[in-house]
Amino acid sequence: MTTQPTKSSSPLMWIASIAIVLFSGVGIAAFMGWLPTSYGQQSTETMPKVASTSTQSAASKPICADCGVIESIQIITDVKETSGIGLVGGAVVGGLLGNQVGGGRGKDVATVAGAVGGAVAGNAIEKQSGTTRHYAITVRFDDGSSRVFNEADPSAWQLGDHVRVIDGAIRSNG
């Protein structure tokens, strides 16, 4: 009777497998919305009040049709529909890595778990990579009307800023 030496998995494979499981867990949490977001947005409740002008000063000062005040800034997130490439690619990579762990039934379980986790994580990554963000800035004009402007970067503006619209673009009127 001959005994065969048992194969032990290399530490690198264990580390890679654990990393895949953790990465899959984070991907699932992100996909399910369980992770907190870090989007900063000022509430309308804390919006500074704009002082109203008296009727006497309003009568002596002509109304500027292009002048106004920043009334709100909202983050608009556009989520791209996924094509399935991330799902399939994640499943393949997760399955291949899971197949490197354990032996017998444990290897089969690790392969399936790796494929499922990789598919979820790959789909979430593909969806996140196609997400774009822009900002809807509402300007309340001196005549009482309002208009929304879309900008990629609102860092120049804060609530209550006095602005003027020139050629469809918001400019400072401070």
N, C-alpha and C. Protein backbone atom coordinates (compact mmCIF):
# COMPACT_ATOMS: atom_id res chain seq x y z
N MET A 1 0.83 -1.15 0.00
CA MET A 1 0.00 0.00 0.00
C MET A 1 0.90 1.24 0.00
N THR A 2 0.65 2.13 -0.97
CA THR A 2 1.45 3.35 -1.05
C THR A 2 0.59 4.54 -0.63
N THR A 3 1.24 5.45 0.02
CA THR A 3 0.52 6.66 0.43
C THR A 3 0.94 7.81 -0.48
N GLN A 4 -0.01 8.58 -0.84
CA GLN A 4 0.27 9.73 -1.69
C GLN A 4 0.36 10.97 -0.81
N PRO A 5 1.35 11.81 -1.14
CA PRO A 5 1.46 13.04 -0.34
C PRO A 5 0.26 13.96 -0.65
N THR A 6 -0.24 14.67 0.37
CA THR A 6 -1.36 15.58 0.17
C THR A 6 -0.84 16.91 -0.34
N LYS A 7 -1.59 17.50 -1.24
CA LYS A 7 -1.24 18.81 -1.77
C LYS A 7 -1.81 19.87 -0.85
N SER A 8 -1.01 20.84 -0.51
CA SER A 8 -1.53 21.95 0.27
C SER A 8 -1.59 23.18 -0.64
N SER A 9 -2.60 23.97 -0.44
CA SER A 9 -2.74 25.18 -1.25
C SER A 9 -1.69 26.19 -0.82
N SER A 10 -1.22 26.93 -1.81
CA SER A 10 -0.19 27.92 -1.49
C SER A 10 -0.83 29.09 -0.76
N PRO A 11 -0.06 29.77 0.09
CA PRO A 11 -0.60 30.93 0.81
C PRO A 11 -1.10 32.02 -0.14
N LEU A 12 -0.47 32.14 -1.30
CA LEU A 12 -0.89 33.14 -2.27
C LEU A 12 -2.31 32.86 -2.76
N MET A 13 -2.64 31.60 -2.96
CA MET A 13 -3.99 31.23 -3.40
C MET A 13 -5.02 31.55 -2.31
N TRP A 14 -4.66 31.29 -1.05
CA TRP A 14 -5.56 31.62 0.04
C TRP A 14 -5.81 33.12 0.12
N ILE A 15 -4.74 33.90 -0.01
CA ILE A 15 -4.87 35.35 0.04
C ILE A 15 -5.74 35.85 -1.11
N ALA A 16 -5.49 35.32 -2.32
CA ALA A 16 -6.29 35.73 -3.48
C ALA A 16 -7.76 35.35 -3.29
N SER A 17 -8.00 34.16 -2.74
CA SER A 17 -9.38 33.72 -2.54
C SER A 17 -10.10 34.58 -1.52
N ILE A 18 -9.42 34.90 -0.43
CA ILE A 18 -10.02 35.75 0.60
C ILE A 18 -10.30 37.14 0.03
N ALA A 19 -9.34 37.65 -0.78
CA ALA A 19 -9.54 38.97 -1.39
C ALA A 19 -10.76 38.96 -2.31
N ILE A 20 -10.94 37.90 -3.07
CA ILE A 20 -12.10 37.80 -3.97
C ILE A 20 -13.40 37.77 -3.17
N VAL A 21 -13.41 37.02 -2.08
CA VAL A 21 -14.62 36.94 -1.26
C VAL A 21 -14.93 38.30 -0.65
N LEU A 22 -13.91 38.98 -0.11
CA LEU A 22 -14.13 40.31 0.45
C LEU A 22 -14.58 41.30 -0.62
N PHE A 23 -13.92 41.27 -1.77
CA PHE A 23 -14.27 42.17 -2.88
C PHE A 23 -15.71 41.91 -3.33
N SER A 24 -16.09 40.63 -3.39
CA SER A 24 -17.45 40.29 -3.77
C SER A 24 -18.44 40.81 -2.75
N GLY A 25 -18.10 40.68 -1.47
CA GLY A 25 -18.97 41.19 -0.41
C GLY A 25 -19.17 42.69 -0.50
N VAL A 26 -18.08 43.42 -0.74
CA VAL A 26 -18.18 44.87 -0.88
C VAL A 26 -18.99 45.23 -2.12
N GLY A 27 -18.77 44.49 -3.21
CA GLY A 27 -19.53 44.74 -4.44
C GLY A 27 -21.02 44.51 -4.22
N ILE A 28 -21.35 43.46 -3.51
CA ILE A 28 -22.76 43.18 -3.23
C ILE A 28 -23.35 44.28 -2.36
N ALA A 29 -22.59 44.70 -1.33
CA ALA A 29 -23.07 45.77 -0.45
C ALA A 29 -23.28 47.07 -1.22
N ALA A 30 -22.34 47.38 -2.13
CA ALA A 30 -22.48 48.60 -2.94
C ALA A 30 -23.68 48.49 -3.87
N PHE A 31 -23.83 47.33 -4.48
CA PHE A 31 -24.93 47.10 -5.41
C PHE A 31 -26.29 47.20 -4.71
N MET A 32 -26.37 46.68 -3.49
CA MET A 32 -27.62 46.68 -2.75
C MET A 32 -27.90 48.00 -2.06
N GLY A 33 -26.92 48.93 -2.09
CA GLY A 33 -27.11 50.23 -1.47
C GLY A 33 -26.89 50.22 0.03
N TRP A 34 -26.17 49.22 0.55
CA TRP A 34 -25.93 49.12 1.98
C TRP A 34 -24.77 50.00 2.43
N LEU A 35 -23.95 50.48 1.51
CA LEU A 35 -22.82 51.34 1.87
C LEU A 35 -23.27 52.79 1.85
N PRO A 36 -22.83 53.58 2.82
CA PRO A 36 -23.22 55.00 2.81
C PRO A 36 -22.53 55.74 1.67
N THR A 37 -23.19 56.74 1.14
CA THR A 37 -22.61 57.54 0.07
C THR A 37 -21.99 58.79 0.66
N SER A 38 -21.14 59.43 -0.11
CA SER A 38 -20.47 60.63 0.38
C SER A 38 -20.82 61.84 -0.47
N TYR A 39 -22.03 61.86 -0.98
CA TYR A 39 -22.45 62.98 -1.79
C TYR A 39 -22.86 64.13 -0.87
N GLY A 40 -22.23 65.27 -1.00
CA GLY A 40 -22.59 66.42 -0.19
C GLY A 40 -23.69 67.21 -0.87
N GLN A 41 -24.71 67.54 -0.14
CA GLN A 41 -25.80 68.33 -0.70
C GLN A 41 -26.42 69.12 0.43
N GLN A 42 -26.60 70.38 0.22
CA GLN A 42 -27.16 71.23 1.25
C GLN A 42 -28.67 71.13 1.22
N SER A 43 -29.25 70.99 2.37
CA SER A 43 -30.69 70.87 2.50
C SER A 43 -31.36 72.21 2.21
N THR A 44 -32.57 72.14 1.68
CA THR A 44 -33.31 73.38 1.42
C THR A 44 -33.74 74.04 2.72
N GLU A 45 -33.75 73.27 3.83
CA GLU A 45 -34.13 73.86 5.11
C GLU A 45 -33.07 74.83 5.62
N THR A 46 -31.80 74.61 5.25
CA THR A 46 -30.72 75.47 5.73
C THR A 46 -30.35 76.53 4.72
N MET A 47 -31.15 76.65 3.65
CA MET A 47 -30.87 77.62 2.60
C MET A 47 -31.00 79.03 3.16
N PRO A 48 -30.00 79.88 2.87
CA PRO A 48 -30.09 81.25 3.40
C PRO A 48 -31.26 82.00 2.78
N LYS A 49 -31.87 82.83 3.58
CA LYS A 49 -33.00 83.63 3.10
C LYS A 49 -32.47 84.84 2.34
N VAL A 50 -33.11 85.15 1.23
CA VAL A 50 -32.73 86.30 0.44
C VAL A 50 -33.57 87.47 0.91
N ALA A 51 -32.91 88.52 1.27
CA ALA A 51 -33.64 89.70 1.79
C ALA A 51 -34.45 90.32 0.67
N SER A 52 -35.68 90.66 0.98
CA SER A 52 -36.53 91.30 -0.04
C SER A 52 -36.23 92.80 -0.04
N THR A 53 -36.25 93.36 -1.22
CA THR A 53 -36.01 94.80 -1.34
C THR A 53 -37.30 95.54 -1.06
N SER A 54 -37.18 96.70 -0.52
CA SER A 54 -38.38 97.48 -0.22
C SER A 54 -38.95 98.03 -1.53
N THR A 55 -40.19 98.39 -1.51
CA THR A 55 -40.84 98.89 -2.72
C THR A 55 -40.25 100.22 -3.15
N GLN A 56 -39.73 100.97 -2.19
CA GLN A 56 -39.15 102.27 -2.54
C GLN A 56 -37.86 102.08 -3.34
N SER A 57 -36.97 101.14 -2.88
CA SER A 57 -35.72 100.93 -3.61
C SER A 57 -35.97 100.18 -4.91
N ALA A 58 -37.01 99.32 -4.95
CA ALA A 58 -37.32 98.59 -6.17
C ALA A 58 -37.83 99.54 -7.25
N ALA A 59 -38.54 100.57 -6.84
CA ALA A 59 -39.06 101.52 -7.82
C ALA A 59 -37.96 102.37 -8.42
N SER A 60 -36.93 102.67 -7.63
CA SER A 60 -35.85 103.50 -8.15
C SER A 60 -34.81 102.70 -8.91
N LYS A 61 -34.78 101.39 -8.71
CA LYS A 61 -33.79 100.54 -9.35
C LYS A 61 -34.46 99.71 -10.45
N PRO A 62 -33.98 99.77 -11.69
CA PRO A 62 -34.61 98.98 -12.75
C PRO A 62 -34.37 97.48 -12.54
N ILE A 63 -35.33 96.68 -12.95
CA ILE A 63 -35.21 95.23 -12.81
C ILE A 63 -34.30 94.70 -13.92
N CYS A 64 -33.32 93.92 -13.52
CA CYS A 64 -32.40 93.28 -14.47
C CYS A 64 -33.01 91.94 -14.86
N ALA A 65 -33.36 91.76 -16.11
CA ALA A 65 -34.02 90.53 -16.57
C ALA A 65 -33.08 89.33 -16.53
N ASP A 66 -31.77 89.53 -16.57
CA ASP A 66 -30.80 88.44 -16.60
C ASP A 66 -30.13 88.21 -15.25
N CYS A 67 -30.55 88.95 -14.21
CA CYS A 67 -29.92 88.86 -12.89
C CYS A 67 -30.78 88.02 -11.96
N GLY A 68 -30.11 87.29 -11.05
CA GLY A 68 -30.84 86.48 -10.10
C GLY A 68 -29.96 85.96 -9.00
N VAL A 69 -30.48 84.99 -8.26
CA VAL A 69 -29.81 84.40 -7.11
C VAL A 69 -29.86 82.88 -7.25
N ILE A 70 -28.75 82.21 -6.89
CA ILE A 70 -28.74 80.75 -6.88
C ILE A 70 -29.70 80.28 -5.80
N GLU A 71 -30.72 79.55 -6.21
CA GLU A 71 -31.75 79.10 -5.27
C GLU A 71 -31.52 77.68 -4.81
N SER A 72 -31.02 76.80 -5.68
CA SER A 72 -30.74 75.42 -5.27
C SER A 72 -29.70 74.81 -6.19
N ILE A 73 -28.98 73.83 -5.65
CA ILE A 73 -28.01 73.04 -6.40
C ILE A 73 -28.29 71.58 -6.09
N GLN A 74 -28.64 70.81 -7.11
CA GLN A 74 -28.97 69.40 -6.91
C GLN A 74 -28.04 68.52 -7.72
N ILE A 75 -27.65 67.38 -7.12
CA ILE A 75 -26.82 66.40 -7.81
C ILE A 75 -27.75 65.49 -8.63
N ILE A 76 -27.44 65.34 -9.91
CA ILE A 76 -28.20 64.44 -10.78
C ILE A 76 -27.25 63.31 -11.18
N THR A 77 -27.61 62.07 -10.85
CA THR A 77 -26.80 60.92 -11.18
C THR A 77 -27.50 60.11 -12.26
N ASP A 78 -26.82 59.90 -13.39
CA ASP A 78 -27.34 59.10 -14.48
C ASP A 78 -26.64 57.74 -14.45
N VAL A 79 -27.42 56.67 -14.27
CA VAL A 79 -26.87 55.33 -14.19
C VAL A 79 -27.04 54.65 -15.54
N LYS A 80 -25.93 54.16 -16.08
CA LYS A 80 -25.94 53.49 -17.39
C LYS A 80 -26.47 52.06 -17.23
N GLU A 81 -27.25 51.63 -18.19
CA GLU A 81 -27.69 50.24 -18.21
C GLU A 81 -26.50 49.35 -18.52
N THR A 82 -26.42 48.21 -17.85
CA THR A 82 -25.28 47.32 -18.06
C THR A 82 -25.48 46.46 -19.30
N SER A 83 -24.36 46.07 -19.92
CA SER A 83 -24.41 45.24 -21.12
C SER A 83 -24.29 43.76 -20.80
N GLY A 84 -23.90 43.42 -19.58
CA GLY A 84 -23.71 42.02 -19.19
C GLY A 84 -22.27 41.59 -19.24
N ILE A 85 -21.39 42.42 -19.79
CA ILE A 85 -19.97 42.05 -19.89
C ILE A 85 -19.36 41.93 -18.50
N GLY A 86 -19.68 42.87 -17.61
CA GLY A 86 -19.16 42.82 -16.25
C GLY A 86 -19.66 41.60 -15.51
N LEU A 87 -20.92 41.25 -15.71
CA LEU A 87 -21.53 40.08 -15.08
C LEU A 87 -20.82 38.81 -15.51
N VAL A 88 -20.67 38.62 -16.81
CA VAL A 88 -20.05 37.41 -17.35
C VAL A 88 -18.56 37.36 -16.99
N GLY A 89 -17.87 38.48 -17.19
CA GLY A 89 -16.44 38.52 -16.88
C GLY A 89 -16.18 38.27 -15.41
N GLY A 90 -16.99 38.87 -14.53
CA GLY A 90 -16.83 38.63 -13.09
C GLY A 90 -17.10 37.19 -12.72
N ALA A 91 -18.10 36.57 -13.34
CA ALA A 91 -18.41 35.17 -13.05
C ALA A 91 -17.26 34.26 -13.47
N VAL A 92 -16.68 34.53 -14.63
CA VAL A 92 -15.56 33.70 -15.12
C VAL A 92 -14.35 33.84 -14.20
N VAL A 93 -13.98 35.06 -13.90
CA VAL A 93 -12.80 35.29 -13.05
C VAL A 93 -13.05 34.73 -11.65
N GLY A 94 -14.23 34.99 -11.08
CA GLY A 94 -14.55 34.47 -9.75
C GLY A 94 -14.57 32.95 -9.73
N GLY A 95 -15.12 32.34 -10.78
CA GLY A 95 -15.14 30.88 -10.86
C GLY A 95 -13.75 30.28 -10.98
N LEU A 96 -12.90 30.92 -11.80
CA LEU A 96 -11.52 30.43 -11.94
C LEU A 96 -10.75 30.54 -10.63
N LEU A 97 -10.90 31.65 -9.94
CA LEU A 97 -10.20 31.82 -8.66
C LEU A 97 -10.77 30.89 -7.60
N GLY A 98 -12.08 30.73 -7.57
CA GLY A 98 -12.69 29.82 -6.60
C GLY A 98 -12.30 28.38 -6.84
N ASN A 99 -12.03 28.02 -8.09
CA ASN A 99 -11.63 26.67 -8.44
C ASN A 99 -10.23 26.33 -7.92
N GLN A 100 -9.45 27.33 -7.59
CA GLN A 100 -8.09 27.11 -7.11
C GLN A 100 -8.05 26.80 -5.61
N VAL A 101 -9.19 26.89 -4.94
CA VAL A 101 -9.24 26.73 -3.49
C VAL A 101 -9.80 25.36 -3.15
N GLY A 102 -9.20 24.72 -2.16
CA GLY A 102 -9.73 23.48 -1.60
C GLY A 102 -9.65 22.30 -2.54
N GLY A 103 -10.38 21.25 -2.18
CA GLY A 103 -10.41 20.03 -2.96
C GLY A 103 -11.74 19.33 -2.76
N GLY A 104 -12.11 18.46 -3.66
CA GLY A 104 -13.36 17.70 -3.56
C GLY A 104 -14.58 18.61 -3.64
N ARG A 105 -15.53 18.38 -2.72
CA ARG A 105 -16.77 19.18 -2.69
C ARG A 105 -16.48 20.63 -2.31
N GLY A 106 -15.46 20.85 -1.48
CA GLY A 106 -15.09 22.20 -1.10
C GLY A 106 -14.65 23.02 -2.30
N LYS A 107 -13.96 22.36 -3.22
CA LYS A 107 -13.52 23.04 -4.43
C LYS A 107 -14.73 23.44 -5.29
N ASP A 108 -15.70 22.53 -5.37
CA ASP A 108 -16.91 22.82 -6.14
C ASP A 108 -17.69 23.99 -5.53
N VAL A 109 -17.80 24.00 -4.21
CA VAL A 109 -18.51 25.07 -3.52
C VAL A 109 -17.77 26.39 -3.72
N ALA A 110 -16.44 26.36 -3.61
CA ALA A 110 -15.65 27.57 -3.79
C ALA A 110 -15.78 28.09 -5.22
N THR A 111 -15.84 27.20 -6.19
CA THR A 111 -15.99 27.61 -7.59
C THR A 111 -17.33 28.31 -7.80
N VAL A 112 -18.40 27.71 -7.28
CA VAL A 112 -19.73 28.31 -7.44
C VAL A 112 -19.82 29.64 -6.70
N ALA A 113 -19.30 29.68 -5.46
CA ALA A 113 -19.34 30.92 -4.68
C ALA A 113 -18.52 32.01 -5.38
N GLY A 114 -17.37 31.64 -5.92
CA GLY A 114 -16.54 32.60 -6.63
C GLY A 114 -17.24 33.13 -7.87
N ALA A 115 -17.92 32.24 -8.60
CA ALA A 115 -18.63 32.65 -9.81
C ALA A 115 -19.79 33.59 -9.48
N VAL A 116 -20.56 33.27 -8.46
CA VAL A 116 -21.70 34.11 -8.08
C VAL A 116 -21.21 35.46 -7.57
N GLY A 117 -20.24 35.42 -6.66
CA GLY A 117 -19.70 36.68 -6.11
C GLY A 117 -19.06 37.52 -7.19
N GLY A 118 -18.31 36.89 -8.09
CA GLY A 118 -17.68 37.61 -9.18
C GLY A 118 -18.70 38.23 -10.13
N ALA A 119 -19.79 37.51 -10.38
CA ALA A 119 -20.84 38.04 -11.27
C ALA A 119 -21.49 39.28 -10.67
N VAL A 120 -21.82 39.21 -9.39
CA VAL A 120 -22.45 40.36 -8.73
C VAL A 120 -21.49 41.54 -8.70
N ALA A 121 -20.24 41.27 -8.32
CA ALA A 121 -19.25 42.35 -8.24
C ALA A 121 -18.96 42.92 -9.63
N GLY A 122 -18.83 42.08 -10.63
CA GLY A 122 -18.55 42.55 -11.99
C GLY A 122 -19.67 43.42 -12.53
N ASN A 123 -20.91 43.02 -12.26
CA ASN A 123 -22.06 43.81 -12.71
C ASN A 123 -22.09 45.17 -12.00
N ALA A 124 -21.82 45.18 -10.68
CA ALA A 124 -21.81 46.44 -9.93
C ALA A 124 -20.70 47.36 -10.42
N ILE A 125 -19.54 46.79 -10.72
CA ILE A 125 -18.42 47.60 -11.21
C ILE A 125 -18.76 48.19 -12.58
N GLU A 126 -19.35 47.39 -13.46
CA GLU A 126 -19.72 47.91 -14.78
C GLU A 126 -20.75 49.03 -14.66
N LYS A 127 -21.73 48.86 -13.76
CA LYS A 127 -22.75 49.89 -13.57
C LYS A 127 -22.13 51.17 -13.02
N GLN A 128 -21.22 51.02 -12.04
CA GLN A 128 -20.59 52.19 -11.43
C GLN A 128 -19.69 52.92 -12.43
N SER A 129 -19.03 52.18 -13.30
CA SER A 129 -18.13 52.83 -14.26
C SER A 129 -18.89 53.64 -15.31
N GLY A 130 -20.15 53.34 -15.52
CA GLY A 130 -20.94 54.09 -16.49
C GLY A 130 -21.78 55.18 -15.88
N THR A 131 -21.63 55.39 -14.57
CA THR A 131 -22.42 56.40 -13.88
C THR A 131 -21.81 57.78 -14.09
N THR A 132 -22.64 58.73 -14.50
CA THR A 132 -22.17 60.10 -14.66
C THR A 132 -22.96 61.00 -13.72
N ARG A 133 -22.34 62.12 -13.38
CA ARG A 133 -22.96 63.05 -12.45
C ARG A 133 -22.91 64.45 -13.03
N HIS A 134 -24.00 65.17 -12.94
CA HIS A 134 -24.01 66.59 -13.26
C HIS A 134 -24.89 67.30 -12.23
N TYR A 135 -24.92 68.60 -12.30
CA TYR A 135 -25.58 69.37 -11.26
C TYR A 135 -26.64 70.28 -11.89
N ALA A 136 -27.82 70.29 -11.30
CA ALA A 136 -28.92 71.15 -11.73
C ALA A 136 -28.93 72.36 -10.80
N ILE A 137 -28.62 73.53 -11.36
CA ILE A 137 -28.55 74.76 -10.58
C ILE A 137 -29.76 75.62 -10.93
N THR A 138 -30.59 75.90 -9.93
CA THR A 138 -31.78 76.71 -10.14
C THR A 138 -31.47 78.16 -9.79
N VAL A 139 -31.75 79.05 -10.74
CA VAL A 139 -31.55 80.49 -10.54
C VAL A 139 -32.93 81.14 -10.50
N ARG A 140 -33.19 81.89 -9.41
CA ARG A 140 -34.42 82.67 -9.28
C ARG A 140 -34.09 84.09 -9.73
N PHE A 141 -34.69 84.51 -10.84
CA PHE A 141 -34.40 85.83 -11.42
C PHE A 141 -35.12 86.93 -10.64
N ASP A 142 -34.63 88.16 -10.83
CA ASP A 142 -35.20 89.32 -10.14
C ASP A 142 -36.67 89.55 -10.50
N ASP A 143 -37.09 89.11 -11.68
CA ASP A 143 -38.49 89.30 -12.07
C ASP A 143 -39.42 88.22 -11.51
N GLY A 144 -38.85 87.29 -10.71
CA GLY A 144 -39.66 86.24 -10.08
C GLY A 144 -39.64 84.91 -10.79
N SER A 145 -39.19 84.88 -12.03
CA SER A 145 -39.13 83.61 -12.76
C SER A 145 -37.89 82.83 -12.32
N SER A 146 -37.86 81.56 -12.68
CA SER A 146 -36.68 80.75 -12.36
C SER A 146 -36.34 79.87 -13.55
N ARG A 147 -35.09 79.43 -13.58
CA ARG A 147 -34.60 78.59 -14.69
C ARG A 147 -33.54 77.66 -14.13
N VAL A 148 -33.47 76.44 -14.69
CA VAL A 148 -32.51 75.43 -14.24
C VAL A 148 -31.39 75.33 -15.27
N PHE A 149 -30.14 75.36 -14.79
CA PHE A 149 -28.96 75.23 -15.64
C PHE A 149 -28.22 73.96 -15.24
N ASN A 150 -27.78 73.19 -16.22
CA ASN A 150 -27.01 71.98 -15.96
C ASN A 150 -25.53 72.28 -16.12
N GLU A 151 -24.76 71.93 -15.10
CA GLU A 151 -23.31 72.15 -15.13
C GLU A 151 -22.60 70.91 -14.63
N ALA A 152 -21.42 70.66 -15.17
CA ALA A 152 -20.62 69.52 -14.75
C ALA A 152 -19.95 69.77 -13.40
N ASP A 153 -19.60 71.01 -13.10
CA ASP A 153 -18.90 71.33 -11.86
C ASP A 153 -19.50 72.58 -11.23
N PRO A 154 -20.19 72.44 -10.11
CA PRO A 154 -20.84 73.60 -9.49
C PRO A 154 -19.96 74.28 -8.44
N SER A 155 -18.68 73.95 -8.40
CA SER A 155 -17.83 74.43 -7.31
C SER A 155 -17.75 75.95 -7.23
N ALA A 156 -18.04 76.64 -8.33
CA ALA A 156 -17.97 78.10 -8.32
C ALA A 156 -19.18 78.73 -7.65
N TRP A 157 -20.25 77.95 -7.43
CA TRP A 157 -21.50 78.53 -6.95
C TRP A 157 -21.91 77.99 -5.60
N GLN A 158 -22.54 78.87 -4.82
CA GLN A 158 -23.14 78.49 -3.55
C GLN A 158 -24.53 79.10 -3.48
N LEU A 159 -25.36 78.52 -2.61
CA LEU A 159 -26.71 79.06 -2.45
C LEU A 159 -26.64 80.52 -2.04
N GLY A 160 -27.47 81.35 -2.66
CA GLY A 160 -27.52 82.77 -2.33
C GLY A 160 -26.59 83.65 -3.15
N ASP A 161 -25.74 83.05 -4.00
CA ASP A 161 -24.85 83.86 -4.84
C ASP A 161 -25.66 84.68 -5.83
N HIS A 162 -25.28 85.96 -6.01
CA HIS A 162 -25.93 86.82 -7.01
C HIS A 162 -25.24 86.57 -8.34
N VAL A 163 -26.04 86.22 -9.36
CA VAL A 163 -25.50 85.85 -10.67
C VAL A 163 -26.21 86.60 -11.78
N ARG A 164 -25.62 86.52 -12.94
CA ARG A 164 -26.20 87.07 -14.16
C ARG A 164 -26.03 86.01 -15.24
N VAL A 165 -27.05 85.81 -16.07
CA VAL A 165 -26.98 84.83 -17.15
C VAL A 165 -26.61 85.57 -18.42
N ILE A 166 -25.47 85.18 -18.99
CA ILE A 166 -24.98 85.80 -20.23
C ILE A 166 -24.75 84.69 -21.24
N ASP A 167 -25.41 84.77 -22.37
CA ASP A 167 -25.31 83.75 -23.44
C ASP A 167 -25.59 82.34 -22.91
N GLY A 168 -26.56 82.21 -22.02
CA GLY A 168 -26.96 80.91 -21.50
C GLY A 168 -26.06 80.35 -20.42
N ALA A 169 -25.06 81.11 -19.98
CA ALA A 169 -24.14 80.64 -18.95
C ALA A 169 -24.24 81.52 -17.71
N ILE A 170 -24.06 80.90 -16.55
CA ILE A 170 -24.14 81.62 -15.29
C ILE A 170 -22.81 82.34 -15.04
N ARG A 171 -22.89 83.62 -14.73
CA ARG A 171 -21.71 84.45 -14.42
C ARG A 171 -21.95 85.16 -13.10
N SER A 172 -20.88 85.52 -12.44
CA SER A 172 -20.99 86.23 -11.17
C SER A 172 -21.52 87.64 -11.39
N ASN A 173 -22.38 88.08 -10.48
CA ASN A 173 -22.92 89.43 -10.54
C ASN A 173 -22.74 90.09 -9.18
N GLY A 174 -21.62 89.72 -8.52
CA GLY A 174 -21.40 90.15 -7.14
C GLY A 174 -20.85 91.48 -7.04
